[in-house]
Protein backbone atom coordinates (compact mmCIF):
# COMPACT_ATOMS: atom_id res chain seq x y z
CA UNK A 1 -11.49 6.98 -19.07
CA UNK A 2 -11.96 6.09 -22.73
CA UNK A 3 -14.66 3.69 -23.80
CA UNK A 4 -12.26 0.83 -24.48
CA UNK A 5 -10.77 1.25 -21.03
CA UNK A 6 -14.12 0.30 -19.49
CA UNK A 7 -13.63 -3.23 -20.82
CA UNK A 8 -10.29 -3.64 -19.03
CA UNK A 9 -10.03 -5.79 -15.90
CA UNK A 10 -6.68 -4.59 -14.61
CA UNK A 11 -6.28 -5.05 -10.87
CA UNK A 12 -9.19 -7.48 -10.59
CA UNK A 13 -9.25 -11.16 -9.73
CA UNK A 14 -11.44 -13.84 -11.27
CA UNK A 15 -12.40 -17.46 -10.69
CA UNK A 16 -13.69 -19.63 -13.53
CA UNK A 17 -15.34 -22.98 -12.85
CA UNK A 18 -14.60 -25.75 -15.34
CA UNK A 19 -11.78 -23.62 -16.72
CA UNK A 20 -9.53 -26.34 -18.07
CA UNK A 21 -11.27 -27.05 -21.39
CA UNK A 22 -13.67 -25.72 -24.01
CA UNK A 23 -15.52 -22.54 -23.18
CA UNK A 24 -14.05 -22.38 -19.68
CA UNK A 25 -10.48 -22.37 -20.94
CA UNK A 26 -11.37 -19.68 -23.46
CA UNK A 27 -12.97 -17.57 -20.70
CA UNK A 28 -9.90 -18.02 -18.49
CA UNK A 29 -7.62 -16.82 -21.28
CA UNK A 30 -9.84 -13.89 -22.24
CA UNK A 31 -10.19 -12.58 -18.68
CA UNK A 32 -6.41 -12.73 -18.25
CA UNK A 33 -5.85 -10.97 -21.57
CA UNK A 34 -8.20 -8.23 -20.36
CA UNK A 35 -5.91 -7.69 -17.37
CA UNK A 36 -7.40 -9.83 -14.60
CA UNK A 37 -5.53 -12.23 -12.34
CA UNK A 38 -7.33 -15.51 -12.96
CA UNK A 39 -7.81 -18.83 -11.18
CA UNK A 40 -9.81 -21.77 -12.44
CA UNK A 41 -11.18 -24.82 -10.67
CA UNK A 42 -11.71 -28.21 -12.27
CA UNK A 43 -11.56 -31.86 -11.23
CA UNK A 44 -8.83 -33.28 -13.48
CA UNK A 45 -5.40 -32.38 -12.07
CA UNK A 46 -3.53 -33.59 -15.16
CA UNK A 47 -5.72 -31.60 -17.51
CA UNK A 48 -5.40 -28.60 -15.21
CA UNK A 49 -1.62 -28.79 -15.50
CA UNK A 50 -1.83 -29.12 -19.28
CA UNK A 51 -4.09 -26.07 -19.48
CA UNK A 52 -1.69 -24.02 -17.35
CA UNK A 53 1.12 -24.96 -19.74
CA UNK A 54 -0.96 -24.10 -22.81
CA UNK A 55 -1.88 -20.70 -21.44
CA UNK A 56 1.69 -20.03 -20.32
CA UNK A 57 2.77 -20.58 -23.91
CA UNK A 58 0.43 -17.71 -24.82
CA UNK A 59 2.00 -15.49 -22.17
CA UNK A 60 -0.73 -15.94 -19.56
CA UNK A 61 -0.16 -17.16 -16.00
CA UNK A 62 -3.17 -18.57 -14.17
CA UNK A 63 -3.78 -20.30 -10.85
CA UNK A 64 -5.11 -23.88 -11.16
CA UNK A 65 -7.26 -25.32 -8.37
CA UNK A 66 -8.11 -29.00 -8.40
CA UNK A 67 -11.54 -29.55 -6.95
CA UNK A 68 -15.09 -30.79 -7.50
CA UNK A 69 -17.58 -27.96 -7.19
CA UNK A 70 -20.42 -30.39 -6.47
CA UNK A 71 -18.66 -30.86 -3.12
CA UNK A 72 -19.38 -27.96 -0.74
CA UNK A 73 -15.96 -28.11 0.93
CA UNK A 74 -14.24 -27.86 -2.46
CA UNK A 75 -16.31 -24.79 -3.34
CA UNK A 76 -15.25 -23.02 -0.16
CA UNK A 77 -11.65 -24.08 -0.71
CA UNK A 78 -11.64 -22.83 -4.31
CA UNK A 79 -12.81 -19.40 -3.18
CA UNK A 80 -10.31 -19.35 -0.30
CA UNK A 81 -7.40 -20.39 -2.54
CA UNK A 82 -8.34 -17.76 -5.11
CA UNK A 83 -8.43 -15.04 -2.45
CA UNK A 84 -5.17 -16.21 -0.90
CA UNK A 85 -3.37 -16.77 -4.18
CA UNK A 86 -4.56 -13.74 -6.12
CA UNK A 87 -5.33 -11.25 -3.38
CA UNK A 88 -9.10 -11.17 -3.65
CA UNK A 89 -12.10 -12.20 -5.74
CA UNK A 90 -13.94 -9.68 -7.89
CA UNK A 91 -15.31 -11.85 -10.70
CA UNK A 92 -16.87 -15.31 -10.73
CA UNK A 93 -17.66 -17.12 -13.98
CA UNK A 94 -19.94 -20.10 -13.35
CA UNK A 95 -19.09 -22.12 -16.44
CA UNK A 96 -18.92 -25.80 -15.42
CA UNK A 97 -21.79 -27.86 -16.78
CA UNK A 98 -23.00 -31.26 -17.94
CA UNK A 99 -25.40 -32.42 -20.66
CA UNK A 100 -26.87 -35.77 -21.70
CA UNK A 101 -28.94 -36.52 -24.79
CA UNK A 102 -31.86 -38.77 -23.91
CA UNK A 103 -35.63 -38.83 -24.51
CA UNK A 104 -37.54 -37.95 -21.36
CA UNK A 105 -38.87 -41.52 -20.97
CA UNK A 106 -35.30 -42.84 -20.86
CA UNK A 107 -33.65 -40.34 -18.49
CA UNK A 108 -32.47 -42.19 -15.38
CA UNK A 109 -32.60 -40.41 -12.03
CA UNK A 110 -28.80 -40.50 -11.82
CA UNK A 111 -28.49 -38.58 -15.10
CA UNK A 112 -31.03 -35.95 -14.05
CA UNK A 113 -29.32 -35.55 -10.68
CA UNK A 114 -25.87 -35.19 -12.28
CA UNK A 115 -27.07 -32.37 -14.52
CA UNK A 116 -28.88 -30.43 -11.81
CA UNK A 117 -26.16 -31.03 -9.22
CA UNK A 118 -23.53 -29.41 -11.44
CA UNK A 119 -25.50 -26.97 -13.59
CA UNK A 120 -27.69 -25.51 -10.83
CA UNK A 121 -26.77 -26.57 -7.30
CA UNK A 122 -23.00 -26.14 -7.73
CA UNK A 123 -23.56 -22.80 -9.46
CA UNK A 124 -25.71 -21.74 -6.49
CA UNK A 125 -23.03 -22.85 -4.01
CA UNK A 126 -20.24 -21.09 -5.92
CA UNK A 127 -22.27 -17.91 -6.24
CA UNK A 128 -22.98 -17.77 -2.51
CA UNK A 129 -19.39 -18.54 -1.52
CA UNK A 130 -17.97 -15.92 -3.89
CA UNK A 131 -20.82 -13.53 -3.14
CA UNK A 132 -20.05 -13.51 0.58
CA UNK A 133 -16.51 -12.36 -0.18
CA UNK A 134 -17.73 -9.76 -2.68
CA UNK A 135 -20.32 -8.41 -0.25
CA UNK A 136 -17.64 -7.96 2.40
CA UNK A 137 -15.27 -6.20 0.00
CA UNK A 138 -17.45 -3.72 -1.88
CA UNK A 139 -19.06 -5.82 -4.59
CA UNK A 140 -18.19 -7.73 -7.73
CA UNK A 141 -19.54 -9.35 -10.87
CA UNK A 142 -20.89 -12.86 -11.35
CA UNK A 143 -21.32 -14.20 -14.88
CA UNK A 144 -23.34 -17.39 -15.22
CA UNK A 145 -23.13 -19.52 -18.33
CA UNK A 146 -26.66 -20.33 -19.36
CA UNK A 147 -27.68 -21.48 -22.82
CA UNK A 148 -30.10 -20.79 -25.61
CA UNK A 149 -31.48 -24.16 -24.45
CA UNK A 150 -33.02 -22.24 -21.55
CA UNK A 151 -35.28 -20.58 -24.14
CA UNK A 152 -35.87 -23.26 -26.78
CA UNK A 153 -36.22 -27.03 -27.00
CA UNK A 154 -33.29 -28.30 -29.03
CA UNK A 155 -33.71 -30.80 -31.83
CA UNK A 156 -33.25 -33.48 -33.10
CA UNK A 157 -31.65 -34.56 -29.79
CA UNK A 158 -33.75 -34.55 -26.64
CA UNK A 159 -32.12 -33.16 -23.49
CA UNK A 160 -34.87 -32.28 -21.01
CA UNK A 161 -32.64 -32.16 -17.93
CA UNK A 162 -30.15 -29.80 -19.56
CA UNK A 163 -32.86 -27.51 -20.96
CA UNK A 164 -34.60 -27.27 -17.59
CA UNK A 165 -31.31 -26.69 -15.78
CA UNK A 166 -30.36 -23.77 -18.02
CA UNK A 167 -33.79 -22.18 -17.64
CA UNK A 168 -33.18 -22.44 -13.89
CA UNK A 169 -29.78 -20.77 -14.31
CA UNK A 170 -31.39 -17.86 -16.14
CA UNK A 171 -34.00 -17.27 -13.47
CA UNK A 172 -31.55 -17.77 -10.62
CA UNK A 173 -29.42 -15.11 -12.32
CA UNK A 174 -32.33 -12.67 -12.14
CA UNK A 175 -33.19 -13.64 -8.57
CA UNK A 176 -29.66 -13.09 -7.27
CA UNK A 177 -29.29 -9.88 -9.29
CA UNK A 178 -32.37 -8.42 -7.62
CA UNK A 179 -31.33 -9.44 -4.13
CA UNK A 180 -27.63 -8.63 -4.32
CA UNK A 181 -27.70 -5.29 -6.14
CA UNK A 182 -27.63 -3.33 -2.84
CA UNK A 183 -24.38 -5.15 -2.01
CA UNK A 184 -22.75 -3.92 -5.22
CA UNK A 185 -22.83 -7.38 -6.80
CA UNK A 186 -23.95 -7.60 -10.41
CA UNK A 187 -25.23 -10.98 -11.65
CA UNK A 188 -25.70 -11.62 -15.35
CA UNK A 189 -25.63 -14.60 -17.68
CA UNK A 190 -24.48 -15.36 -21.19
CA UNK A 191 -26.57 -17.82 -23.23
CA UNK A 192 -24.51 -19.32 -26.06
CA UNK A 193 -25.85 -21.19 -29.03
CA UNK A 194 -23.99 -24.08 -30.61
CA UNK A 195 -20.26 -23.80 -29.97
CA UNK A 196 -17.56 -26.23 -31.07
CA UNK A 197 -16.48 -27.94 -27.84
CA UNK A 198 -16.09 -31.52 -26.60
CA UNK A 199 -19.62 -31.35 -25.18
CA UNK A 200 -21.21 -30.15 -28.43
CA UNK A 201 -20.55 -32.39 -31.49
CA UNK A 202 -21.22 -29.70 -34.09
CA UNK A 203 -19.24 -31.66 -36.69
CA UNK A 204 -21.75 -34.52 -36.94
CA UNK A 205 -23.44 -34.40 -40.37
CA UNK A 206 -26.79 -35.74 -39.12
CA UNK A 207 -27.08 -32.71 -36.83
CA UNK A 208 -26.21 -30.06 -39.42
CA UNK A 209 -29.78 -29.74 -40.73
CA UNK A 210 -31.04 -28.64 -37.29
CA UNK A 211 -28.01 -27.16 -35.55
CA UNK A 212 -26.54 -25.17 -38.42
CA UNK A 213 -29.12 -24.68 -41.17
CA UNK A 214 -31.80 -23.50 -38.69
CA UNK A 215 -29.57 -20.61 -37.57
CA UNK A 216 -29.63 -17.34 -39.57
CA UNK A 217 -25.83 -17.20 -39.63
CA UNK A 218 -25.69 -20.81 -40.88
CA UNK A 219 -22.74 -21.79 -38.71
CA UNK A 220 -21.58 -22.70 -35.22
CA UNK A 221 -19.33 -20.55 -33.02
CA UNK A 222 -15.82 -21.08 -31.74
CA UNK A 223 -15.24 -20.61 -27.98
CA UNK A 224 -13.29 -17.38 -28.52
CA UNK A 225 -16.42 -15.83 -30.06
CA UNK A 226 -18.27 -16.20 -26.75
CA UNK A 227 -15.42 -15.02 -24.50
CA UNK A 228 -15.73 -11.28 -25.29
CA UNK A 229 -19.30 -11.32 -23.97
CA UNK A 230 -18.08 -12.75 -20.67
CA UNK A 231 -15.37 -10.09 -20.43
CA UNK A 232 -17.99 -7.43 -21.20
CA UNK A 233 -20.37 -8.62 -18.49
CA UNK A 234 -17.52 -8.83 -15.97
CA UNK A 235 -16.26 -5.33 -16.76
CA UNK A 236 -17.30 -1.75 -16.07
CA UNK A 237 -18.59 -1.59 -19.64
CA UNK A 238 -21.62 -3.46 -18.24
CA UNK A 239 -21.84 -1.41 -15.02
CA UNK A 240 -25.57 -0.68 -15.52
CA UNK A 241 -26.43 -4.30 -16.36
CA UNK A 242 -27.63 -6.81 -13.82
CA UNK A 243 -30.19 -9.59 -14.14
CA UNK A 244 -29.63 -9.77 -17.90
CA UNK A 245 -29.27 -12.90 -20.01
CA UNK A 246 -27.16 -12.06 -23.06
CA UNK A 247 -27.94 -14.41 -25.94
CA UNK A 248 -25.01 -15.16 -28.28
CA UNK A 249 -26.40 -17.78 -30.67
CA UNK A 250 -25.91 -16.69 -34.27
CA UNK A 251 -29.59 -15.76 -34.32
CA UNK A 252 -30.80 -19.31 -33.63
CA UNK A 253 -33.57 -18.28 -31.20
CA UNK A 254 -35.11 -15.64 -33.50
CA UNK A 255 -37.05 -18.32 -35.37
């Protein structure tokens, strides 16, 4: 096998949470382009259908699953539909997430709960549901989407719930990697910096001083610049990696 072949995902199946927009849609496309059969789960049925059509126009067929991963029954159903529809589940990408900008004094309980319910609890539920299948079928790879915000406190916006949730994702990644290695399940995370998505308003001029000028590369990323790292962590190219958090942030966290 040549070195480039180790990045291929032919014959494997993947499930991406929040795969109908932004980073999740880019991950769904990239995994399919690397050879995997891919399903994604997201709440908005209309947007799911639009994403399927967009990807089909690029020559990629994916399986959409409409569901809310903060609901335990929907998590189990998403895994079951992926296995039934694609013939198995080898790769899970825990991408779905939420963020609110608010000073700590002003964060309502509902906002804190929303962030942790999706960013941490749902990720935990998805990992266990997928992990049970992987354990029973010889292993697999889980890629969690953390953030550089799990390492630094962003500015000028305050987002304490999001920062804490992503730090939790990073350490949960390590915890599951340690426990599940004997089952052949690798668990890693990618920690992006600022990426142009609906959730990250990188275009706003008042944020440029802190979001762009503080980064060595002096720019933000596009979603397709993060996708190769997810493919790498999912593939045999990362076969000796587990419990790692791969930072892809244009150098932001070096300062």
